[in-house]
Amino acid sequence: MLFEADKVMFEIYRETEYSRKYRVVYFTELQDHNKETEINRALSGEHFFDGFIANDHKDEAKAIIEAIVSRLNEGETVDPQEVERALGDHIAW
């Protein structure tokens, strides 16, 4: 079992205005200067998937997440269960 400090909380969402692009935000890595803006942007978007990734393999997990976001933005249909399967052991509970 991981402690909160050992996890990164993230959300994949779709913008509701302008480009309608999918984006990802890593909430626990936000700094004071961008925290409010990024949280508000995510809250105003359409939720797609969220969860936690373990810090010890977060670079690998982020690469998987970024690849999924790219696929979504290219118009490919990806369901949340596929995101969960792709992240596999990188998901922290």
N, C-alpha and C. Protein backbone atom coordinates (compact mmCIF):
# COMPACT_ATOMS: atom_id res chain seq x y z
N MET A 1 0.84 -1.18 0.00
CA MET A 1 0.00 0.00 0.00
C MET A 1 0.89 1.25 0.00
N LEU A 2 0.58 2.17 -0.88
CA LEU A 2 1.37 3.39 -1.01
C LEU A 2 0.77 4.52 -0.18
N PHE A 3 1.63 5.36 0.36
CA PHE A 3 1.19 6.56 1.04
C PHE A 3 0.87 7.62 0.00
N GLU A 4 0.10 8.62 0.39
CA GLU A 4 -0.28 9.69 -0.54
C GLU A 4 0.94 10.35 -1.19
N ALA A 5 2.02 10.49 -0.46
CA ALA A 5 3.22 11.13 -0.99
C ALA A 5 3.91 10.29 -2.05
N ASP A 6 3.55 9.01 -2.15
CA ASP A 6 4.15 8.11 -3.12
C ASP A 6 3.34 8.00 -4.40
N LYS A 7 2.31 8.84 -4.54
CA LYS A 7 1.42 8.77 -5.70
C LYS A 7 1.30 10.13 -6.38
N VAL A 8 0.95 10.08 -7.66
CA VAL A 8 0.66 11.28 -8.43
C VAL A 8 -0.79 11.17 -8.89
N MET A 9 -1.61 12.15 -8.52
CA MET A 9 -3.01 12.17 -8.92
C MET A 9 -3.13 12.87 -10.27
N PHE A 10 -3.89 12.25 -11.18
CA PHE A 10 -4.03 12.84 -12.52
C PHE A 10 -5.46 12.73 -13.01
N GLU A 11 -5.76 13.50 -14.04
CA GLU A 11 -7.05 13.42 -14.72
C GLU A 11 -6.84 13.67 -16.21
N ILE A 12 -7.50 12.86 -17.01
CA ILE A 12 -7.59 13.10 -18.45
C ILE A 12 -8.98 13.70 -18.67
N TYR A 13 -9.03 14.83 -19.34
CA TYR A 13 -10.30 15.50 -19.59
C TYR A 13 -10.30 16.09 -21.00
N ARG A 14 -11.48 16.47 -21.45
CA ARG A 14 -11.63 17.10 -22.76
C ARG A 14 -12.09 18.53 -22.57
N GLU A 15 -11.42 19.45 -23.23
CA GLU A 15 -11.82 20.85 -23.16
C GLU A 15 -13.23 21.00 -23.72
N THR A 16 -14.00 21.87 -23.10
CA THR A 16 -15.37 22.09 -23.57
C THR A 16 -15.46 23.29 -24.50
N GLU A 17 -14.42 24.06 -24.58
CA GLU A 17 -14.41 25.24 -25.45
C GLU A 17 -13.29 25.12 -26.48
N TYR A 18 -13.37 25.93 -27.47
CA TYR A 18 -12.33 26.08 -28.49
C TYR A 18 -11.95 24.78 -29.17
N SER A 19 -10.83 24.22 -28.82
CA SER A 19 -10.27 23.10 -29.58
C SER A 19 -10.91 21.75 -29.28
N ARG A 20 -11.57 21.60 -28.13
CA ARG A 20 -12.16 20.33 -27.70
C ARG A 20 -11.10 19.22 -27.59
N LYS A 21 -9.86 19.61 -27.37
CA LYS A 21 -8.77 18.65 -27.25
C LYS A 21 -8.79 17.98 -25.88
N TYR A 22 -8.26 16.77 -25.88
CA TYR A 22 -8.06 16.05 -24.63
C TYR A 22 -6.75 16.53 -24.02
N ARG A 23 -6.76 16.62 -22.69
CA ARG A 23 -5.58 17.06 -21.96
C ARG A 23 -5.43 16.21 -20.71
N VAL A 24 -4.25 16.25 -20.14
CA VAL A 24 -4.02 15.58 -18.86
C VAL A 24 -3.43 16.60 -17.90
N VAL A 25 -3.84 16.50 -16.65
CA VAL A 25 -3.28 17.34 -15.60
C VAL A 25 -2.83 16.42 -14.47
N TYR A 26 -1.64 16.68 -13.96
CA TYR A 26 -1.08 15.94 -12.83
C TYR A 26 -1.23 16.84 -11.61
N PHE A 27 -2.33 16.69 -10.90
CA PHE A 27 -2.69 17.61 -9.82
C PHE A 27 -1.61 17.73 -8.75
N THR A 28 -1.04 16.63 -8.33
CA THR A 28 -0.10 16.67 -7.22
C THR A 28 1.26 17.21 -7.61
N GLU A 29 1.45 17.53 -8.89
CA GLU A 29 2.71 18.12 -9.33
C GLU A 29 2.58 19.59 -9.70
N LEU A 30 1.40 20.14 -9.51
CA LEU A 30 1.19 21.55 -9.83
C LEU A 30 1.92 22.44 -8.84
N GLN A 31 2.40 23.55 -9.33
CA GLN A 31 3.08 24.54 -8.51
C GLN A 31 2.10 25.65 -8.17
N ASP A 32 2.43 26.48 -7.21
CA ASP A 32 1.54 27.56 -6.80
C ASP A 32 1.18 28.49 -7.94
N HIS A 33 2.12 28.74 -8.85
CA HIS A 33 1.86 29.69 -9.92
C HIS A 33 0.88 29.19 -10.98
N ASN A 34 0.66 27.88 -11.09
CA ASN A 34 -0.25 27.38 -12.11
C ASN A 34 -1.37 26.51 -11.55
N LYS A 35 -1.39 26.32 -10.26
CA LYS A 35 -2.35 25.41 -9.64
C LYS A 35 -3.80 25.81 -9.92
N GLU A 36 -4.16 27.03 -9.62
CA GLU A 36 -5.54 27.47 -9.77
C GLU A 36 -6.01 27.40 -11.22
N THR A 37 -5.18 27.86 -12.14
CA THR A 37 -5.53 27.84 -13.56
C THR A 37 -5.75 26.44 -14.08
N GLU A 38 -4.83 25.53 -13.77
CA GLU A 38 -4.94 24.16 -14.26
C GLU A 38 -6.11 23.41 -13.64
N ILE A 39 -6.35 23.62 -12.37
CA ILE A 39 -7.49 22.97 -11.71
C ILE A 39 -8.80 23.48 -12.31
N ASN A 40 -8.92 24.78 -12.49
CA ASN A 40 -10.13 25.34 -13.08
C ASN A 40 -10.35 24.85 -14.50
N ARG A 41 -9.29 24.74 -15.26
CA ARG A 41 -9.38 24.23 -16.64
C ARG A 41 -9.90 22.79 -16.64
N ALA A 42 -9.36 21.97 -15.75
CA ALA A 42 -9.80 20.57 -15.67
C ALA A 42 -11.25 20.48 -15.20
N LEU A 43 -11.61 21.28 -14.22
CA LEU A 43 -12.98 21.24 -13.69
C LEU A 43 -14.01 21.68 -14.72
N SER A 44 -13.63 22.57 -15.61
CA SER A 44 -14.58 23.02 -16.63
C SER A 44 -14.64 22.08 -17.82
N GLY A 45 -13.74 21.10 -17.88
CA GLY A 45 -13.72 20.15 -18.98
C GLY A 45 -14.62 18.95 -18.73
N GLU A 46 -14.69 18.08 -19.73
CA GLU A 46 -15.45 16.84 -19.61
C GLU A 46 -14.52 15.74 -19.11
N HIS A 47 -14.85 15.20 -17.97
CA HIS A 47 -14.03 14.15 -17.36
C HIS A 47 -13.97 12.93 -18.26
N PHE A 48 -12.77 12.34 -18.40
CA PHE A 48 -12.62 11.11 -19.16
C PHE A 48 -12.09 9.98 -18.28
N PHE A 49 -11.01 10.24 -17.55
CA PHE A 49 -10.40 9.21 -16.70
C PHE A 49 -9.56 9.90 -15.64
N ASP A 50 -9.53 9.33 -14.44
CA ASP A 50 -8.64 9.86 -13.41
C ASP A 50 -8.13 8.73 -12.55
N GLY A 51 -7.11 9.03 -11.80
CA GLY A 51 -6.55 8.03 -10.92
C GLY A 51 -5.24 8.49 -10.33
N PHE A 52 -4.51 7.53 -9.81
CA PHE A 52 -3.21 7.77 -9.22
C PHE A 52 -2.19 6.85 -9.89
N ILE A 53 -0.99 7.37 -10.08
CA ILE A 53 0.11 6.55 -10.55
C ILE A 53 1.20 6.57 -9.48
N ALA A 54 1.94 5.49 -9.40
CA ALA A 54 3.00 5.38 -8.40
C ALA A 54 4.19 6.25 -8.81
N ASN A 55 4.76 6.93 -7.84
CA ASN A 55 5.92 7.79 -8.10
C ASN A 55 7.12 7.02 -8.65
N ASP A 56 7.30 5.78 -8.21
CA ASP A 56 8.51 5.07 -8.59
C ASP A 56 8.58 4.72 -10.07
N HIS A 57 7.46 4.71 -10.78
CA HIS A 57 7.45 4.45 -12.23
C HIS A 57 6.64 5.50 -12.97
N LYS A 58 6.61 6.72 -12.43
CA LYS A 58 5.72 7.72 -13.00
C LYS A 58 6.12 8.15 -14.41
N ASP A 59 7.40 8.11 -14.76
CA ASP A 59 7.80 8.51 -16.12
C ASP A 59 7.24 7.54 -17.15
N GLU A 60 7.26 6.25 -16.84
CA GLU A 60 6.68 5.25 -17.74
C GLU A 60 5.17 5.45 -17.84
N ALA A 61 4.52 5.68 -16.71
CA ALA A 61 3.07 5.87 -16.69
C ALA A 61 2.68 7.13 -17.45
N LYS A 62 3.45 8.20 -17.28
CA LYS A 62 3.17 9.44 -18.00
C LYS A 62 3.30 9.25 -19.51
N ALA A 63 4.27 8.47 -19.93
CA ALA A 63 4.43 8.20 -21.37
C ALA A 63 3.20 7.46 -21.91
N ILE A 64 2.68 6.51 -21.14
CA ILE A 64 1.48 5.79 -21.54
C ILE A 64 0.29 6.74 -21.63
N ILE A 65 0.15 7.59 -20.62
CA ILE A 65 -0.96 8.55 -20.59
C ILE A 65 -0.86 9.51 -21.76
N GLU A 66 0.32 10.05 -22.02
CA GLU A 66 0.50 10.99 -23.13
C GLU A 66 0.18 10.33 -24.47
N ALA A 67 0.55 9.06 -24.63
CA ALA A 67 0.24 8.34 -25.87
C ALA A 67 -1.26 8.18 -26.04
N ILE A 68 -1.97 7.91 -24.95
CA ILE A 68 -3.42 7.79 -25.01
C ILE A 68 -4.07 9.12 -25.36
N VAL A 69 -3.60 10.19 -24.74
CA VAL A 69 -4.13 11.52 -25.04
C VAL A 69 -3.90 11.86 -26.52
N SER A 70 -2.75 11.52 -27.05
CA SER A 70 -2.46 11.75 -28.47
C SER A 70 -3.43 10.97 -29.35
N ARG A 71 -3.66 9.72 -29.00
CA ARG A 71 -4.59 8.89 -29.78
C ARG A 71 -5.99 9.49 -29.75
N LEU A 72 -6.43 9.95 -28.58
CA LEU A 72 -7.74 10.57 -28.47
C LEU A 72 -7.83 11.83 -29.33
N ASN A 73 -6.78 12.64 -29.31
CA ASN A 73 -6.78 13.88 -30.09
C ASN A 73 -6.68 13.63 -31.59
N GLU A 74 -6.23 12.45 -31.98
CA GLU A 74 -6.20 12.08 -33.39
C GLU A 74 -7.53 11.49 -33.85
N GLY A 75 -8.49 11.42 -32.93
CA GLY A 75 -9.82 10.95 -33.28
C GLY A 75 -10.07 9.47 -33.02
N GLU A 76 -9.09 8.79 -32.47
CA GLU A 76 -9.26 7.36 -32.19
C GLU A 76 -10.21 7.19 -30.99
N THR A 77 -11.02 6.16 -31.05
CA THR A 77 -11.91 5.86 -29.94
C THR A 77 -11.16 5.00 -28.92
N VAL A 78 -11.07 5.51 -27.72
CA VAL A 78 -10.42 4.82 -26.61
C VAL A 78 -11.39 4.88 -25.45
N ASP A 79 -11.65 3.76 -24.81
CA ASP A 79 -12.55 3.80 -23.65
C ASP A 79 -11.73 3.78 -22.36
N PRO A 80 -12.33 4.23 -21.26
CA PRO A 80 -11.61 4.29 -19.99
C PRO A 80 -11.02 2.96 -19.54
N GLN A 81 -11.70 1.86 -19.84
CA GLN A 81 -11.17 0.55 -19.46
C GLN A 81 -9.85 0.27 -20.18
N GLU A 82 -9.72 0.75 -21.41
CA GLU A 82 -8.47 0.58 -22.14
C GLU A 82 -7.34 1.37 -21.48
N VAL A 83 -7.66 2.54 -20.97
CA VAL A 83 -6.66 3.35 -20.25
C VAL A 83 -6.19 2.58 -19.02
N GLU A 84 -7.14 2.03 -18.29
CA GLU A 84 -6.79 1.28 -17.08
C GLU A 84 -5.93 0.06 -17.42
N ARG A 85 -6.29 -0.64 -18.48
CA ARG A 85 -5.48 -1.80 -18.90
C ARG A 85 -4.08 -1.38 -19.33
N ALA A 86 -4.00 -0.27 -20.07
CA ALA A 86 -2.69 0.19 -20.55
C ALA A 86 -1.78 0.59 -19.39
N LEU A 87 -2.35 1.20 -18.37
CA LEU A 87 -1.55 1.61 -17.21
C LEU A 87 -1.18 0.41 -16.33
N GLY A 88 -2.02 -0.59 -16.30
CA GLY A 88 -1.73 -1.82 -15.56
C GLY A 88 -1.17 -1.60 -14.18
N ASP A 89 0.03 -2.11 -13.95
CA ASP A 89 0.66 -2.04 -12.62
C ASP A 89 1.12 -0.63 -12.23
N HIS A 90 1.04 0.33 -13.15
CA HIS A 90 1.42 1.71 -12.84
C HIS A 90 0.35 2.42 -12.00
N ILE A 91 -0.86 1.88 -12.01
CA ILE A 91 -1.92 2.48 -11.23
C ILE A 91 -1.67 2.20 -9.75
N ALA A 92 -1.77 3.25 -8.95
CA ALA A 92 -1.57 3.11 -7.50
C ALA A 92 -2.94 3.17 -6.84
N TRP A 93 -3.20 2.23 -5.98
CA TRP A 93 -4.49 2.19 -5.29
C TRP A 93 -4.39 2.72 -3.91
